[in-house]
Protein backbone atom coordinates (compact mmCIF):
# COMPACT_ATOMS: atom_id res chain seq x y z
CA MET A 1 43.79 20.85 -339.69
CA ARG A 2 43.91 22.37 -336.31
CA SER A 3 46.33 20.24 -335.04
CA SER A 4 48.92 21.01 -337.46
CA LYS A 5 48.61 24.95 -336.33
CA LEU A 6 48.69 24.48 -333.09
CA THR A 7 51.99 22.87 -333.75
CA SER A 8 52.93 24.89 -336.21
CA ALA A 9 52.92 28.30 -334.13
CA PRO A 10 55.39 26.79 -331.25
CA ARG A 11 58.06 25.90 -334.11
CA LEU A 12 57.72 29.60 -335.55
CA MET A 13 58.07 30.86 -331.78
CA LEU A 14 61.01 28.32 -331.43
CA VAL A 15 62.63 29.49 -334.50
CA MET A 16 62.33 33.50 -333.39
CA ILE A 17 63.77 32.88 -330.14
CA ALA A 18 66.93 31.11 -331.83
CA LEU A 19 67.62 33.76 -334.07
CA THR A 20 67.36 36.45 -331.35
CA ALA A 21 69.28 34.39 -329.26
CA MET A 22 72.31 34.12 -332.23
CA ALA A 23 72.07 37.88 -332.47
CA PHE A 24 72.54 38.61 -328.86
CA VAL A 25 75.78 36.09 -329.03
CA GLY A 26 76.83 37.92 -331.98
CA VAL A 27 77.11 41.31 -330.07
CA ALA A 28 77.80 39.65 -326.64
CA PRO A 29 81.24 41.01 -325.32
CA ALA A 30 84.07 37.94 -325.51
CA HIS A 31 85.24 35.89 -322.81
CA ALA A 32 87.94 37.28 -320.70
CA ILE A 33 91.23 35.35 -321.10
CA ASP A 34 94.29 35.63 -318.75
CA ILE A 35 97.26 37.90 -320.20
CA SER A 36 99.36 35.28 -320.38
CA ALA A 37 97.24 34.07 -323.13
CA CYS A 38 98.18 37.05 -325.15
CA PRO A 39 101.75 36.87 -326.37
CA SER A 40 103.22 38.91 -329.15
CA THR A 41 102.79 35.85 -331.63
CA VAL A 42 99.13 35.87 -331.23
CA GLY A 43 98.01 39.42 -331.03
CA ARG A 44 98.54 42.92 -329.36
CA LEU A 45 97.61 44.33 -326.07
CA GLU A 46 95.18 47.24 -326.08
CA ILE A 47 94.06 49.62 -323.54
CA ARG A 48 90.39 50.93 -323.60
CA PRO A 49 89.27 53.86 -323.55
CA ASP A 50 91.86 56.35 -324.16
CA GLU A 51 90.11 59.43 -323.50
CA ASP A 52 90.50 62.73 -321.81
CA ILE A 53 89.84 62.60 -318.25
CA VAL A 54 88.18 65.72 -316.72
CA ILE A 55 89.40 66.86 -313.13
CA THR A 56 86.63 69.28 -311.64
CA ALA A 57 86.29 71.20 -308.39
CA PRO A 58 83.75 73.35 -306.92
CA ASP A 59 85.92 76.57 -307.09
CA PRO A 60 89.31 77.42 -308.54
CA ASP A 61 90.77 76.99 -304.99
CA GLY A 62 89.41 73.61 -304.48
CA THR A 63 90.41 70.31 -305.06
CA TYR A 64 90.17 68.77 -308.55
CA VAL A 65 88.89 65.07 -309.03
CA GLY A 66 88.55 63.20 -311.96
CA THR A 67 87.72 58.98 -312.41
CA GLN A 68 88.69 56.64 -315.40
CA ALA A 69 87.54 53.64 -315.91
CA VAL A 70 89.72 51.17 -318.40
CA ARG A 71 89.80 47.36 -319.74
CA ILE A 72 92.84 45.68 -321.28
CA TYR A 73 92.21 43.78 -324.53
CA CYS A 74 93.81 41.10 -326.65
CA LEU A 75 93.58 42.09 -330.39
CA LYS A 76 94.80 39.06 -332.31
CA TYR A 77 95.69 38.62 -335.41
CA ASN A 78 92.65 36.33 -336.48
CA GLY A 79 90.47 39.44 -336.24
CA THR A 80 88.98 38.46 -333.04
CA GLU A 81 89.61 40.38 -329.64
CA GLU A 82 89.21 39.33 -326.07
CA PRO A 83 89.27 40.88 -322.82
CA VAL A 84 92.37 40.38 -320.70
CA THR A 85 92.48 39.71 -316.59
CA GLY A 86 95.39 39.00 -314.38
CA GLY A 87 97.37 42.15 -315.97
CA ILE A 88 98.73 45.43 -314.34
CA LEU A 89 97.77 48.68 -315.26
CA GLN A 90 100.56 51.54 -315.02
CA VAL A 91 99.67 55.25 -315.34
CA MET A 92 101.63 58.34 -315.09
CA THR A 93 101.03 62.12 -315.34
CA LEU A 94 102.42 64.76 -316.91
CA ASP A 95 102.27 68.77 -316.04
CA ASP A 96 101.28 70.41 -319.58
CA PRO A 97 104.41 73.13 -319.79
CA ALA A 98 101.61 75.30 -321.36
CA ALA A 99 99.60 75.65 -318.51
CA PRO A 100 99.56 76.36 -314.95
CA ILE A 101 102.04 74.18 -312.87
CA ALA A 102 100.01 71.00 -311.95
CA GLU A 103 100.84 68.68 -309.27
CA PHE A 104 98.61 65.15 -309.75
CA GLU A 105 98.08 62.13 -307.91
CA ILE A 106 96.81 58.71 -308.96
CA MET A 107 94.69 56.27 -306.81
CA GLY A 108 93.53 52.80 -307.66
CA GLU A 109 91.07 50.76 -306.35
CA GLY A 110 91.64 50.03 -302.69
CA ALA A 111 94.45 52.20 -302.54
CA ALA A 112 95.68 55.71 -301.30
CA TYR A 113 96.73 58.84 -303.73
CA VAL A 114 100.23 58.72 -304.43
CA PRO A 115 102.24 61.49 -306.44
CA SER A 116 102.15 60.58 -309.97
CA ASN A 117 104.10 63.57 -312.32
CA LEU A 118 106.54 61.46 -314.44
CA VAL A 119 106.24 58.32 -311.60
CA MET A 120 104.61 55.07 -313.11
CA VAL A 121 102.15 53.99 -310.58
CA ALA A 122 100.94 50.10 -310.62
CA LEU A 123 97.25 49.58 -310.27
CA THR A 124 95.66 46.12 -309.85
CA ASP A 125 92.40 44.88 -310.85
CA ALA A 126 91.20 44.96 -307.27
CA ASN A 127 87.83 43.76 -308.23
CA GLN A 128 89.28 40.77 -310.51
CA ASP A 129 86.82 41.77 -313.23
CA GLY A 130 89.14 42.87 -315.53
CA TYR A 131 88.62 46.51 -315.23
CA PHE A 132 90.92 49.09 -313.79
CA THR A 133 89.43 52.28 -311.89
CA PHE A 134 91.78 54.94 -310.87
CA SER A 135 90.90 58.71 -309.96
CA VAL A 136 93.19 61.78 -310.73
CA ARG A 137 93.70 64.27 -308.01
CA SER A 138 95.17 67.61 -307.91
CA ASN A 139 95.46 70.27 -305.37
CA THR A 140 97.11 72.73 -307.51
CA ASP A 141 94.95 76.34 -307.36
CA ASP A 142 93.42 77.83 -310.15
CA LEU A 143 93.73 74.94 -312.67
CA ALA A 144 90.30 76.34 -313.97
CA ALA A 145 88.26 79.42 -313.95
CA GLY A 146 85.11 77.95 -315.08
CA PRO A 147 83.08 75.07 -316.32
CA GLU A 148 84.61 75.24 -320.17
CA PRO A 149 87.56 72.34 -319.32
CA VAL A 150 91.22 73.48 -319.99
CA ASP A 151 94.16 71.53 -320.98
CA VAL A 152 96.28 71.15 -317.74
CA GLY A 153 98.41 68.11 -318.41
CA ALA A 154 98.64 64.54 -319.86
CA TYR A 155 98.58 60.74 -318.85
CA LEU A 156 100.07 57.43 -319.79
CA GLN A 157 98.61 53.99 -319.37
CA PHE A 158 101.17 51.55 -319.82
CA THR A 159 100.57 47.17 -319.33
CA PHE A 160 102.89 44.37 -320.36
CA GLY A 161 102.69 40.38 -320.27
CA ASN A 162 104.22 37.63 -322.10
CA GLN A 163 106.73 39.67 -324.12
CA ASN A 164 103.62 41.48 -325.04
CA SER A 165 103.24 45.52 -324.25
CA THR A 166 101.50 48.58 -325.18
CA SER A 167 100.92 52.21 -324.20
CA GLU A 168 98.37 54.98 -324.72
CA GLY A 169 97.43 57.97 -323.35
CA ALA A 170 95.35 61.31 -323.54
CA ASN A 171 94.87 64.84 -322.22
CA ILE A 172 93.84 65.86 -318.62
CA LEU A 173 91.23 68.75 -318.45
CA ALA A 174 90.46 70.63 -315.59
CA ALA A 175 86.74 72.47 -314.95
CA ILE A 176 84.95 74.11 -312.49
CA HIS A 177 81.83 72.23 -311.47
CA THR A 178 79.41 74.06 -308.71
CA PRO A 179 76.21 72.39 -307.43
CA GLU A 180 74.72 76.03 -307.43
CA LEU A 181 75.27 76.06 -311.04
CA SER A 182 73.33 73.14 -311.64
CA SER A 183 70.80 73.94 -309.41
CA MET A 184 70.30 76.86 -311.07
CA ALA A 185 70.30 75.31 -314.56
CA LEU A 186 67.61 72.89 -313.23
CA PHE A 187 65.51 75.67 -312.13
CA GLY A 188 65.65 77.25 -315.35
CA THR A 189 64.54 74.47 -317.51
CA GLY A 190 61.76 73.87 -315.17
CA ALA A 191 60.38 77.53 -315.17
CA THR A 192 61.06 77.29 -318.92
CA GLY A 193 58.30 74.69 -318.80
CA MET A 194 55.60 76.16 -316.74
CA LEU A 195 55.91 79.44 -318.91
CA GLY A 196 55.40 77.19 -321.76
CA PHE A 197 52.38 75.62 -320.27
CA ALA A 198 51.09 79.04 -319.18
CA ILE A 199 51.38 80.40 -322.57
CA ALA A 200 49.94 77.20 -323.97
CA GLY A 201 47.01 77.09 -321.65
CA LEU A 202 46.18 81.03 -322.39
CA ARG A 203 46.19 80.35 -326.40
CA ASN A 204 43.75 77.74 -325.68
CA ARG A 205 41.26 79.99 -323.74
CA ARG A 206 41.80 82.33 -326.28
CA ARG A 207 40.71 79.72 -329.03
CA ALA A 208 37.82 78.70 -327.18
CA LYS A 209 36.33 82.20 -326.45
CA SER A 210 36.66 83.14 -330.18
CA GLN A 211 35.38 79.99 -331.53
CA ALA A 212 32.11 80.34 -329.26
CA ARG A 213 31.55 84.08 -330.67
């Protein structure tokens, strides 16, 4: 009987390990494919994320900078999706007519900033990992007056390959981010915690005195 218990325990452990591995495989990202393996007859291309970019500056007259990292995916018609490598991402910025006139520049990995207002800037996968990281910069003054982001423009992303293409876009938001405000917020949080600790200690001392009486 003892020998059967010793053999059943490892078997149970192996089963649990196998189930755990299957669960991880189910959520693991798919293996990347070359963009040539995703023609329009197989699926459609997608760029993610397509969310707003926030460019910040230390003061209204400073340089506003924000960074975005995206990846190209092949969403196949059979329901599966795979990240794509070997593609070229083109990005273009647009000024918001309702906001202050803004001039934007874009810089890709291992490249220099270039003007991008109504101009497509081609970005390459510098690290060959399927990810495109680029920065948006503006030297236009007074795009924002405080920490609350305001809409100052938009950007478009475009990629193509093997008779397949897609485009995505979102807004460019500007905000003021000062290190002093962050430090004050951290100090305020610490001071509030110390005050709460002191009040709790005072209450405990009062409670102890009342119980002693």
